[in-house]
């Protein structure tokens, strides 16, 4: 009789991985991400609360959720490609989350919150973006901006909400700008 052994690999769990690198560091530098010393992957949440990295031309980052400006101002520059499931920019009062594309491509599967309760901005310059969910520009007490130049496009299969619910003593602002 032969015995066989088998091992069951544990399921991959999503991790929340925070950016701790400098603004001149590359997204793909493992030492620039806190806790796990690895670059966030397709099942992870990438959190950026600082002037963040650049995804260089010819490179593509794929993550589950992107959160920029959670407790402190943060930014991300994309010259290559970015694939996300959900995106949240400006998640706290008076905190800014900025996502700048310059010649890059963005594919987002579900919802995008630009200025959830803080200040959110997405800028596409010579870039292309697509989203399969709703886009919220300024929600709750947030302020949100989506700006495209005449060489850019942004296609959304969901609904785009501009402005949000009024909160006593505050108001939300949403703006989409298309130049050219």
N, C-alpha and C. Protein backbone atom coordinates (compact mmCIF):
# COMPACT_ATOMS: atom_id res chain seq x y z
N UNK A 1 0.83 -1.16 0.00
CA UNK A 1 0.00 0.00 0.00
C UNK A 1 0.89 1.24 0.00
N UNK A 2 0.56 2.17 -0.86
CA UNK A 2 1.31 3.42 -0.93
C UNK A 2 0.55 4.53 -0.23
N UNK A 3 1.28 5.33 0.52
CA UNK A 3 0.70 6.50 1.18
C UNK A 3 1.02 7.73 0.36
N UNK A 4 0.07 8.53 0.24
CA UNK A 4 0.29 9.79 -0.45
C UNK A 4 0.00 10.93 0.52
N UNK A 5 0.80 11.90 0.40
CA UNK A 5 0.54 13.08 1.23
C UNK A 5 0.13 14.22 0.31
N UNK A 6 -0.66 15.05 0.84
CA UNK A 6 -1.05 16.23 0.08
C UNK A 6 -1.14 17.41 1.03
N UNK A 7 -0.85 18.52 0.50
CA UNK A 7 -0.94 19.74 1.30
C UNK A 7 -1.99 20.65 0.67
N UNK A 8 -2.72 21.28 1.51
CA UNK A 8 -3.71 22.23 1.03
C UNK A 8 -3.15 23.62 1.25
N UNK A 9 -3.04 24.33 0.19
CA UNK A 9 -2.50 25.69 0.29
C UNK A 9 -3.57 26.61 0.88
N UNK A 10 -3.17 27.48 1.80
CA UNK A 10 -4.16 28.40 2.36
C UNK A 10 -4.64 29.39 1.29
N UNK A 11 -5.85 29.83 1.46
CA UNK A 11 -6.41 30.81 0.52
C UNK A 11 -5.65 32.13 0.65
N UNK A 12 -5.55 32.83 -0.44
CA UNK A 12 -4.89 34.14 -0.41
C UNK A 12 -5.85 35.15 0.22
N UNK A 13 -5.37 35.83 1.24
CA UNK A 13 -6.18 36.83 1.91
C UNK A 13 -5.73 38.21 1.48
N UNK A 14 -6.68 39.10 1.38
CA UNK A 14 -6.36 40.48 1.02
C UNK A 14 -5.67 41.15 2.19
N UNK A 15 -4.69 41.93 1.90
CA UNK A 15 -3.96 42.69 2.92
C UNK A 15 -4.13 44.16 2.63
N UNK A 16 -4.06 44.95 3.66
CA UNK A 16 -4.03 46.40 3.51
C UNK A 16 -2.56 46.81 3.62
N UNK A 17 -2.02 47.33 2.53
CA UNK A 17 -0.59 47.63 2.46
C UNK A 17 -0.42 49.13 2.24
N UNK A 18 0.34 49.77 3.14
CA UNK A 18 0.47 51.23 3.12
C UNK A 18 1.79 51.67 2.50
N UNK A 19 1.72 52.73 1.71
CA UNK A 19 2.89 53.33 1.08
C UNK A 19 3.71 54.08 2.13
N UNK A 20 5.01 53.80 2.21
CA UNK A 20 5.92 54.51 3.13
C UNK A 20 7.13 55.05 2.39
N UNK A 21 7.14 54.92 1.08
CA UNK A 21 8.26 55.41 0.28
C UNK A 21 8.18 56.90 0.04
N UNK A 22 9.14 57.41 -0.71
CA UNK A 22 9.15 58.83 -1.05
C UNK A 22 8.43 59.05 -2.37
N UNK A 23 8.21 60.31 -2.71
CA UNK A 23 7.50 60.63 -3.94
C UNK A 23 8.32 60.29 -5.18
N UNK A 24 9.63 60.06 -5.02
CA UNK A 24 10.47 59.72 -6.17
C UNK A 24 10.62 58.21 -6.35
N UNK A 25 10.03 57.43 -5.43
CA UNK A 25 10.15 55.97 -5.51
C UNK A 25 9.17 55.37 -6.51
N UNK A 26 9.54 54.22 -7.03
CA UNK A 26 8.73 53.48 -7.98
C UNK A 26 7.69 52.65 -7.24
N UNK A 27 6.48 52.55 -7.78
CA UNK A 27 5.40 51.73 -7.21
C UNK A 27 5.90 50.31 -6.92
N UNK A 28 6.73 49.78 -7.79
CA UNK A 28 7.14 48.38 -7.72
C UNK A 28 8.33 48.12 -6.80
N UNK A 29 8.69 49.06 -5.95
CA UNK A 29 9.77 48.90 -4.97
C UNK A 29 9.19 48.31 -3.69
N UNK A 30 9.43 47.01 -3.41
CA UNK A 30 8.82 46.35 -2.24
C UNK A 30 9.12 47.04 -0.91
N UNK A 31 10.30 47.62 -0.76
CA UNK A 31 10.66 48.25 0.51
C UNK A 31 9.90 49.54 0.76
N UNK A 32 9.17 50.03 -0.23
CA UNK A 32 8.38 51.25 -0.06
C UNK A 32 6.97 50.99 0.47
N UNK A 33 6.66 49.73 0.74
CA UNK A 33 5.34 49.36 1.24
C UNK A 33 5.48 48.80 2.64
N UNK A 34 4.69 49.30 3.59
CA UNK A 34 4.81 48.96 5.00
C UNK A 34 4.24 47.60 5.35
N UNK A 35 4.96 46.93 6.22
CA UNK A 35 4.45 45.73 6.87
C UNK A 35 4.74 44.43 6.17
N UNK A 36 4.53 44.37 4.89
CA UNK A 36 4.65 43.09 4.20
C UNK A 36 5.85 43.04 3.27
N UNK A 37 6.53 44.15 3.11
CA UNK A 37 7.70 44.28 2.24
C UNK A 37 7.44 43.63 0.89
N UNK A 38 6.29 43.94 0.37
CA UNK A 38 5.94 43.49 -0.97
C UNK A 38 5.01 44.51 -1.61
N UNK A 39 4.94 44.47 -2.89
CA UNK A 39 4.07 45.36 -3.65
C UNK A 39 2.64 44.84 -3.55
N UNK A 40 1.65 45.70 -3.36
CA UNK A 40 0.26 45.23 -3.32
C UNK A 40 -0.12 44.51 -4.62
N UNK A 41 -0.91 43.44 -4.46
CA UNK A 41 -1.34 42.66 -5.61
C UNK A 41 -2.83 42.77 -5.85
N UNK A 42 -3.33 41.93 -6.72
CA UNK A 42 -4.71 42.00 -7.21
C UNK A 42 -5.77 41.84 -6.12
N UNK A 43 -5.42 41.23 -4.98
CA UNK A 43 -6.39 41.05 -3.90
C UNK A 43 -6.21 42.04 -2.76
N UNK A 44 -5.30 42.98 -2.89
CA UNK A 44 -4.93 43.86 -1.79
C UNK A 44 -5.52 45.26 -1.89
N UNK A 45 -5.54 45.94 -0.74
CA UNK A 45 -5.87 47.35 -0.66
C UNK A 45 -4.55 48.11 -0.57
N UNK A 46 -4.34 49.06 -1.45
CA UNK A 46 -3.15 49.91 -1.40
C UNK A 46 -3.58 51.25 -0.81
N UNK A 47 -2.93 51.64 0.30
CA UNK A 47 -3.25 52.87 1.00
C UNK A 47 -2.10 53.86 0.85
N UNK A 48 -2.42 55.07 0.40
CA UNK A 48 -1.38 56.08 0.19
C UNK A 48 -1.79 57.35 0.93
N UNK A 49 -1.01 57.69 1.98
CA UNK A 49 -1.22 58.88 2.78
C UNK A 49 0.01 59.78 2.73
N UNK A 50 0.60 59.91 1.56
CA UNK A 50 1.79 60.75 1.37
C UNK A 50 1.91 61.05 -0.12
N UNK A 51 2.83 61.94 -0.46
CA UNK A 51 3.10 62.16 -1.89
C UNK A 51 3.69 60.85 -2.37
N UNK A 52 2.92 60.14 -3.14
CA UNK A 52 3.23 58.76 -3.43
C UNK A 52 4.03 58.50 -4.68
N UNK A 53 3.98 57.27 -5.07
CA UNK A 53 4.83 56.74 -6.13
C UNK A 53 4.37 57.09 -7.52
N UNK A 54 5.15 56.61 -8.47
CA UNK A 54 4.80 56.69 -9.89
C UNK A 54 4.77 55.28 -10.44
N UNK A 55 3.74 55.00 -11.23
CA UNK A 55 3.71 53.76 -12.01
C UNK A 55 4.25 54.17 -13.38
N UNK A 56 5.45 53.72 -13.68
CA UNK A 56 6.17 54.15 -14.88
C UNK A 56 5.53 53.61 -16.16
N UNK A 57 5.78 54.30 -17.25
CA UNK A 57 5.31 53.86 -18.57
C UNK A 57 5.80 52.43 -18.82
N UNK A 58 4.94 51.62 -19.40
CA UNK A 58 5.30 50.24 -19.69
C UNK A 58 5.05 49.28 -18.54
N UNK A 59 4.67 49.78 -17.37
CA UNK A 59 4.39 48.94 -16.20
C UNK A 59 2.91 49.03 -15.88
N UNK A 60 2.34 47.95 -15.31
CA UNK A 60 0.93 47.93 -14.94
C UNK A 60 0.81 47.41 -13.52
N UNK A 61 0.10 48.16 -12.67
CA UNK A 61 -0.19 47.74 -11.30
C UNK A 61 -1.64 47.29 -11.24
N UNK A 62 -1.89 46.17 -10.55
CA UNK A 62 -3.25 45.66 -10.40
C UNK A 62 -3.50 45.42 -8.93
N UNK A 63 -4.54 46.09 -8.39
CA UNK A 63 -4.90 45.97 -6.98
C UNK A 63 -6.42 45.91 -6.86
N UNK A 64 -6.89 45.43 -5.71
CA UNK A 64 -8.33 45.38 -5.49
C UNK A 64 -8.86 46.77 -5.20
N UNK A 65 -8.35 47.41 -4.15
CA UNK A 65 -8.84 48.73 -3.79
C UNK A 65 -7.68 49.70 -3.65
N UNK A 66 -7.89 50.90 -4.16
CA UNK A 66 -6.93 51.98 -4.04
C UNK A 66 -7.55 53.07 -3.19
N UNK A 67 -6.89 53.41 -2.09
CA UNK A 67 -7.35 54.49 -1.22
C UNK A 67 -6.22 55.50 -1.09
N UNK A 68 -6.48 56.73 -1.50
CA UNK A 68 -5.50 57.80 -1.42
C UNK A 68 -6.11 58.94 -0.61
N UNK A 69 -5.37 59.42 0.39
CA UNK A 69 -5.88 60.48 1.25
C UNK A 69 -6.85 59.93 2.28
N UNK A 70 -6.37 58.99 3.09
CA UNK A 70 -7.22 58.36 4.10
C UNK A 70 -7.21 59.21 5.37
N UNK A 71 -6.02 59.47 5.89
CA UNK A 71 -5.88 60.31 7.09
C UNK A 71 -4.97 61.50 6.85
N UNK A 72 -4.14 61.44 5.81
CA UNK A 72 -3.24 62.53 5.41
C UNK A 72 -3.32 62.67 3.90
N UNK A 73 -2.94 63.83 3.38
CA UNK A 73 -2.92 64.05 1.93
C UNK A 73 -2.04 63.03 1.24
N UNK A 74 -2.49 62.54 0.09
CA UNK A 74 -1.71 61.56 -0.66
C UNK A 74 -1.92 61.71 -2.15
N UNK A 75 -0.98 61.13 -2.92
CA UNK A 75 -1.09 61.21 -4.38
C UNK A 75 -0.45 60.00 -5.03
N UNK A 76 -0.85 59.75 -6.27
CA UNK A 76 -0.27 58.70 -7.10
C UNK A 76 -0.22 59.23 -8.53
N UNK A 77 0.92 59.01 -9.20
CA UNK A 77 1.07 59.38 -10.61
C UNK A 77 1.16 58.12 -11.44
N UNK A 78 0.44 58.11 -12.55
CA UNK A 78 0.42 56.93 -13.42
C UNK A 78 0.80 57.33 -14.84
N UNK A 79 1.90 56.76 -15.30
CA UNK A 79 2.34 56.94 -16.69
C UNK A 79 2.16 55.64 -17.46
N UNK A 80 1.96 54.55 -16.74
CA UNK A 80 1.74 53.24 -17.32
C UNK A 80 0.28 52.84 -17.21
N UNK A 81 0.02 51.71 -16.54
CA UNK A 81 -1.34 51.23 -16.40
C UNK A 81 -1.72 50.98 -14.96
N UNK A 82 -2.99 51.15 -14.65
CA UNK A 82 -3.52 50.88 -13.31
C UNK A 82 -4.84 50.16 -13.46
N UNK A 83 -4.96 49.00 -12.78
CA UNK A 83 -6.20 48.23 -12.76
C UNK A 83 -6.66 48.14 -11.31
N UNK A 84 -7.89 48.60 -11.05
CA UNK A 84 -8.44 48.59 -9.70
C UNK A 84 -9.86 48.03 -9.74
N UNK A 85 -10.33 47.57 -8.58
CA UNK A 85 -11.73 47.19 -8.45
C UNK A 85 -12.54 48.35 -7.89
N UNK A 86 -11.99 49.02 -6.88
CA UNK A 86 -12.64 50.17 -6.24
C UNK A 86 -11.58 51.23 -5.98
N UNK A 87 -11.98 52.49 -6.05
CA UNK A 87 -11.05 53.59 -5.83
C UNK A 87 -11.71 54.63 -4.94
N UNK A 88 -10.96 55.10 -3.92
CA UNK A 88 -11.45 56.11 -2.98
C UNK A 88 -10.37 57.18 -2.82
N UNK A 89 -10.75 58.42 -3.10
CA UNK A 89 -9.83 59.55 -3.01
C UNK A 89 -10.40 60.61 -2.08
N UNK A 90 -9.64 61.01 -1.06
CA UNK A 90 -10.10 62.02 -0.10
C UNK A 90 -11.14 61.45 0.83
N UNK A 91 -10.69 60.64 1.79
CA UNK A 91 -11.62 59.88 2.63
C UNK A 91 -11.85 60.47 4.02
N UNK A 92 -11.29 61.65 4.30
CA UNK A 92 -11.45 62.27 5.61
C UNK A 92 -11.58 63.78 5.41
N UNK A 93 -12.34 64.43 6.29
CA UNK A 93 -12.51 65.89 6.20
C UNK A 93 -11.17 66.59 5.99
N UNK A 94 -11.12 67.45 4.98
CA UNK A 94 -9.97 68.29 4.66
C UNK A 94 -8.73 67.52 4.23
N UNK A 95 -8.85 66.23 3.98
CA UNK A 95 -7.73 65.42 3.51
C UNK A 95 -7.90 65.22 2.00
N UNK A 96 -6.78 65.41 1.26
CA UNK A 96 -6.83 65.34 -0.20
C UNK A 96 -6.22 64.04 -0.73
N UNK A 97 -6.89 63.46 -1.70
CA UNK A 97 -6.38 62.32 -2.43
C UNK A 97 -6.35 62.65 -3.91
N UNK A 98 -5.16 62.55 -4.53
CA UNK A 98 -4.98 62.97 -5.92
C UNK A 98 -4.44 61.81 -6.75
N UNK A 99 -5.04 61.60 -7.92
CA UNK A 99 -4.63 60.57 -8.85
C UNK A 99 -4.41 61.22 -10.20
N UNK A 100 -3.14 61.27 -10.63
CA UNK A 100 -2.77 61.94 -11.88
C UNK A 100 -2.32 60.93 -12.93
N UNK A 101 -2.93 61.00 -14.10
CA UNK A 101 -2.53 60.15 -15.22
C UNK A 101 -1.90 61.01 -16.29
N UNK A 102 -0.75 60.57 -16.78
CA UNK A 102 -0.07 61.27 -17.87
C UNK A 102 0.34 60.22 -18.89
N UNK A 103 -0.51 60.02 -19.90
CA UNK A 103 -0.23 59.00 -20.90
C UNK A 103 -0.55 57.59 -20.43
N UNK A 104 -1.24 57.47 -19.30
CA UNK A 104 -1.53 56.15 -18.74
C UNK A 104 -2.94 55.67 -19.03
N UNK A 105 -3.19 54.41 -18.66
CA UNK A 105 -4.51 53.79 -18.81
C UNK A 105 -5.01 53.35 -17.45
N UNK A 106 -6.32 53.51 -17.22
CA UNK A 106 -6.93 53.12 -15.95
C UNK A 106 -8.18 52.31 -16.23
N UNK A 107 -8.26 51.17 -15.58
CA UNK A 107 -9.44 50.33 -15.67
C UNK A 107 -9.92 50.06 -14.25
N UNK A 108 -11.14 50.50 -13.93
CA UNK A 108 -11.72 50.32 -12.59
C UNK A 108 -13.02 49.52 -12.74
N UNK A 109 -13.13 48.39 -12.03
CA UNK A 109 -14.28 47.50 -12.20
C UNK A 109 -15.56 48.01 -11.56
N UNK A 110 -15.45 48.61 -10.38
CA UNK A 110 -16.65 48.96 -9.63
C UNK A 110 -16.70 50.46 -9.38
N UNK A 111 -16.99 50.88 -8.15
CA UNK A 111 -17.23 52.30 -7.87
C UNK A 111 -15.95 53.11 -7.66
N UNK A 112 -16.07 54.39 -7.98
CA UNK A 112 -15.00 55.37 -7.77
C UNK A 112 -15.58 56.51 -6.94
N UNK A 113 -14.91 56.81 -5.81
CA UNK A 113 -15.32 57.91 -4.94
C UNK A 113 -14.24 58.98 -5.02
N UNK A 114 -14.55 60.10 -5.63
CA UNK A 114 -13.60 61.21 -5.77
C UNK A 114 -14.08 62.32 -4.85
N UNK A 115 -13.47 62.40 -3.67
CA UNK A 115 -13.92 63.36 -2.66
C UNK A 115 -15.05 62.77 -1.84
N UNK A 116 -14.78 61.63 -1.18
CA UNK A 116 -15.80 60.99 -0.34
C UNK A 116 -16.31 61.93 0.73
N UNK A 117 -15.48 62.29 1.67
CA UNK A 117 -15.79 63.33 2.64
C UNK A 117 -14.66 64.34 2.70
N UNK A 118 -13.60 64.07 1.97
CA UNK A 118 -12.47 64.98 1.88
C UNK A 118 -12.43 65.62 0.51
N UNK A 119 -11.20 65.78 -0.01
CA UNK A 119 -10.99 66.43 -1.29
C UNK A 119 -10.36 65.40 -2.24
N UNK A 120 -11.02 65.13 -3.34
CA UNK A 120 -10.51 64.14 -4.29
C UNK A 120 -10.35 64.74 -5.68
N UNK A 121 -9.29 64.33 -6.36
CA UNK A 121 -9.06 64.84 -7.71
C UNK A 121 -8.46 63.75 -8.59
N UNK A 122 -9.04 63.60 -9.78
CA UNK A 122 -8.48 62.73 -10.82
C UNK A 122 -8.22 63.61 -12.03
N UNK A 123 -7.01 63.51 -12.56
CA UNK A 123 -6.63 64.29 -13.73
C UNK A 123 -6.08 63.34 -14.79
N UNK A 124 -6.65 63.40 -16.00
CA UNK A 124 -6.18 62.58 -17.10
C UNK A 124 -5.63 63.49 -18.19
N UNK A 125 -4.35 63.32 -18.50
CA UNK A 125 -3.68 64.08 -19.55
C UNK A 125 -3.14 63.08 -20.56
N UNK A 126 -3.69 63.08 -21.76
CA UNK A 126 -3.28 62.11 -22.77
C UNK A 126 -3.49 60.68 -22.30
N UNK A 127 -4.57 60.45 -21.57
CA UNK A 127 -4.81 59.15 -20.92
C UNK A 127 -6.22 58.65 -21.20
N UNK A 128 -6.43 57.39 -20.81
CA UNK A 128 -7.73 56.76 -21.02
C UNK A 128 -8.15 56.07 -19.74
N UNK A 129 -9.42 56.28 -19.35
CA UNK A 129 -9.96 55.63 -18.17
C UNK A 129 -11.29 54.99 -18.49
N UNK A 130 -11.56 53.84 -17.85
CA UNK A 130 -12.86 53.18 -17.98
C UNK A 130 -13.28 52.70 -16.60
N UNK A 131 -14.59 52.74 -16.35
CA UNK A 131 -15.11 52.28 -15.07
C UNK A 131 -16.40 51.50 -15.29
N UNK A 132 -16.54 50.43 -14.54
CA UNK A 132 -17.73 49.61 -14.65
C UNK A 132 -18.75 49.86 -13.57
N UNK A 133 -18.50 50.82 -12.69
CA UNK A 133 -19.43 51.10 -11.60
C UNK A 133 -19.85 52.55 -11.61
N UNK A 134 -20.34 53.00 -10.47
CA UNK A 134 -20.74 54.39 -10.33
C UNK A 134 -19.53 55.26 -10.03
N UNK A 135 -19.61 56.53 -10.41
CA UNK A 135 -18.58 57.51 -10.10
C UNK A 135 -19.24 58.60 -9.26
N UNK A 136 -18.67 58.86 -8.08
CA UNK A 136 -19.19 59.87 -7.17
C UNK A 136 -18.19 61.02 -7.10
N UNK A 137 -18.59 62.19 -7.60
CA UNK A 137 -17.76 63.40 -7.53
C UNK A 137 -18.29 64.28 -6.41
N UNK A 138 -17.60 64.27 -5.28
CA UNK A 138 -18.06 65.03 -4.12
C UNK A 138 -19.27 64.36 -3.52
N UNK A 139 -19.06 63.65 -2.45
CA UNK A 139 -20.14 62.92 -1.81
C UNK A 139 -20.15 63.28 -0.34
N UNK A 140 -21.30 63.35 0.27
CA UNK A 140 -21.36 63.77 1.67
C UNK A 140 -20.84 65.20 1.76
N UNK A 141 -19.80 65.40 2.56
CA UNK A 141 -19.22 66.74 2.68
C UNK A 141 -17.99 66.90 1.79
N UNK A 142 -17.78 65.96 0.86
CA UNK A 142 -16.58 65.96 0.03
C UNK A 142 -16.62 66.89 -1.16
N UNK A 143 -15.44 67.13 -1.70
CA UNK A 143 -15.25 67.93 -2.91
C UNK A 143 -14.51 67.06 -3.91
N UNK A 144 -15.05 66.90 -5.10
CA UNK A 144 -14.42 66.03 -6.09
C UNK A 144 -14.28 66.67 -7.45
N UNK A 145 -13.13 66.43 -8.10
CA UNK A 145 -12.85 66.96 -9.44
C UNK A 145 -12.37 65.84 -10.33
N UNK A 146 -12.91 65.81 -11.54
CA UNK A 146 -12.46 64.91 -12.59
C UNK A 146 -12.14 65.78 -13.79
N UNK A 147 -10.87 65.82 -14.19
CA UNK A 147 -10.42 66.71 -15.26
C UNK A 147 -9.78 65.89 -16.38
N UNK A 148 -10.22 66.13 -17.61
CA UNK A 148 -9.67 65.46 -18.79
C UNK A 148 -9.22 66.51 -19.79
N UNK A 149 -8.08 66.28 -20.44
CA UNK A 149 -7.69 67.18 -21.53
C UNK A 149 -8.28 66.64 -22.82
N UNK A 150 -8.07 67.34 -23.93
CA UNK A 150 -8.69 66.95 -25.20
C UNK A 150 -8.08 65.69 -25.81
N UNK A 151 -7.03 65.14 -25.23
CA UNK A 151 -6.43 63.90 -25.71
C UNK A 151 -6.82 62.70 -24.83
N UNK A 152 -7.71 62.93 -23.89
CA UNK A 152 -8.08 61.89 -22.93
C UNK A 152 -9.53 61.47 -23.10
N UNK A 153 -9.84 60.29 -22.54
CA UNK A 153 -11.22 59.82 -22.52
C UNK A 153 -11.49 59.12 -21.20
N UNK A 154 -12.75 59.15 -20.79
CA UNK A 154 -13.18 58.44 -19.59
C UNK A 154 -14.56 57.88 -19.88
N UNK A 155 -14.67 56.56 -19.92
CA UNK A 155 -15.93 55.88 -20.20
C UNK A 155 -16.41 55.21 -18.93
N UNK A 156 -17.70 55.42 -18.61
CA UNK A 156 -18.27 54.86 -17.40
C UNK A 156 -19.58 54.17 -17.75
N UNK A 157 -19.74 52.89 -17.37
CA UNK A 157 -20.97 52.18 -17.66
C UNK A 157 -22.00 52.36 -16.55
N UNK A 158 -21.59 52.90 -15.40
CA UNK A 158 -22.51 53.17 -14.31
C UNK A 158 -23.02 54.60 -14.39
N UNK A 159 -23.50 55.10 -13.28
CA UNK A 159 -24.01 56.45 -13.18
C UNK A 159 -22.94 57.36 -12.58
N UNK A 160 -22.86 58.59 -13.07
CA UNK A 160 -21.95 59.57 -12.48
C UNK A 160 -22.77 60.55 -11.65
N UNK A 161 -22.47 60.61 -10.36
CA UNK A 161 -23.17 61.49 -9.43
C UNK A 161 -22.28 62.70 -9.16
N UNK A 162 -22.79 63.88 -9.39
CA UNK A 162 -22.03 65.11 -9.16
C UNK A 162 -22.65 65.81 -7.97
N UNK A 163 -21.87 65.98 -6.89
CA UNK A 163 -22.39 66.52 -5.63
C UNK A 163 -23.05 65.42 -4.86
N UNK A 164 -23.37 65.69 -3.62
CA UNK A 164 -23.96 64.64 -2.79
C UNK A 164 -24.94 65.22 -1.80
N UNK A 165 -25.23 64.44 -0.81
CA UNK A 165 -26.19 64.86 0.21
C UNK A 165 -25.65 66.05 0.99
N UNK A 166 -26.51 66.97 1.28
CA UNK A 166 -26.11 68.15 2.04
C UNK A 166 -26.11 67.78 3.52
N UNK A 167 -25.03 68.14 4.19
CA UNK A 167 -24.90 67.92 5.62
C UNK A 167 -25.02 69.29 6.28
N UNK A 168 -25.74 69.39 7.38
CA UNK A 168 -25.93 70.69 8.03
C UNK A 168 -24.58 71.32 8.33
N UNK A 169 -24.41 72.56 7.87
CA UNK A 169 -23.17 73.28 8.10
C UNK A 169 -22.10 73.00 7.06
N UNK A 170 -22.37 72.08 6.13
CA UNK A 170 -21.40 71.73 5.10
C UNK A 170 -22.13 71.50 3.79
N UNK A 171 -21.36 71.42 2.72
CA UNK A 171 -21.94 71.07 1.43
C UNK A 171 -20.89 70.34 0.61
N UNK A 172 -21.36 69.60 -0.36
CA UNK A 172 -20.44 68.88 -1.22
C UNK A 172 -20.34 69.60 -2.56
N UNK A 173 -19.21 69.40 -3.21
CA UNK A 173 -18.98 70.02 -4.51
C UNK A 173 -18.44 68.95 -5.44
N UNK A 174 -19.00 68.84 -6.62
CA UNK A 174 -18.49 67.92 -7.62
C UNK A 174 -18.35 68.66 -8.93
N UNK A 175 -17.28 68.39 -9.66
CA UNK A 175 -17.06 69.10 -10.91
C UNK A 175 -16.33 68.19 -11.89
N UNK A 176 -16.81 68.18 -13.11
CA UNK A 176 -16.12 67.48 -14.21
C UNK A 176 -15.72 68.54 -15.22
N UNK A 177 -14.46 68.52 -15.61
CA UNK A 177 -13.93 69.51 -16.57
C UNK A 177 -13.36 68.79 -17.76
N UNK A 178 -13.76 69.21 -18.95
CA UNK A 178 -13.21 68.63 -20.18
C UNK A 178 -12.70 69.80 -21.01
N UNK A 179 -11.40 69.80 -21.29
CA UNK A 179 -10.84 70.91 -22.06
C UNK A 179 -10.54 70.49 -23.49
N UNK A 180 -10.57 71.47 -24.39
CA UNK A 180 -10.21 71.18 -25.77
C UNK A 180 -11.36 71.03 -26.69
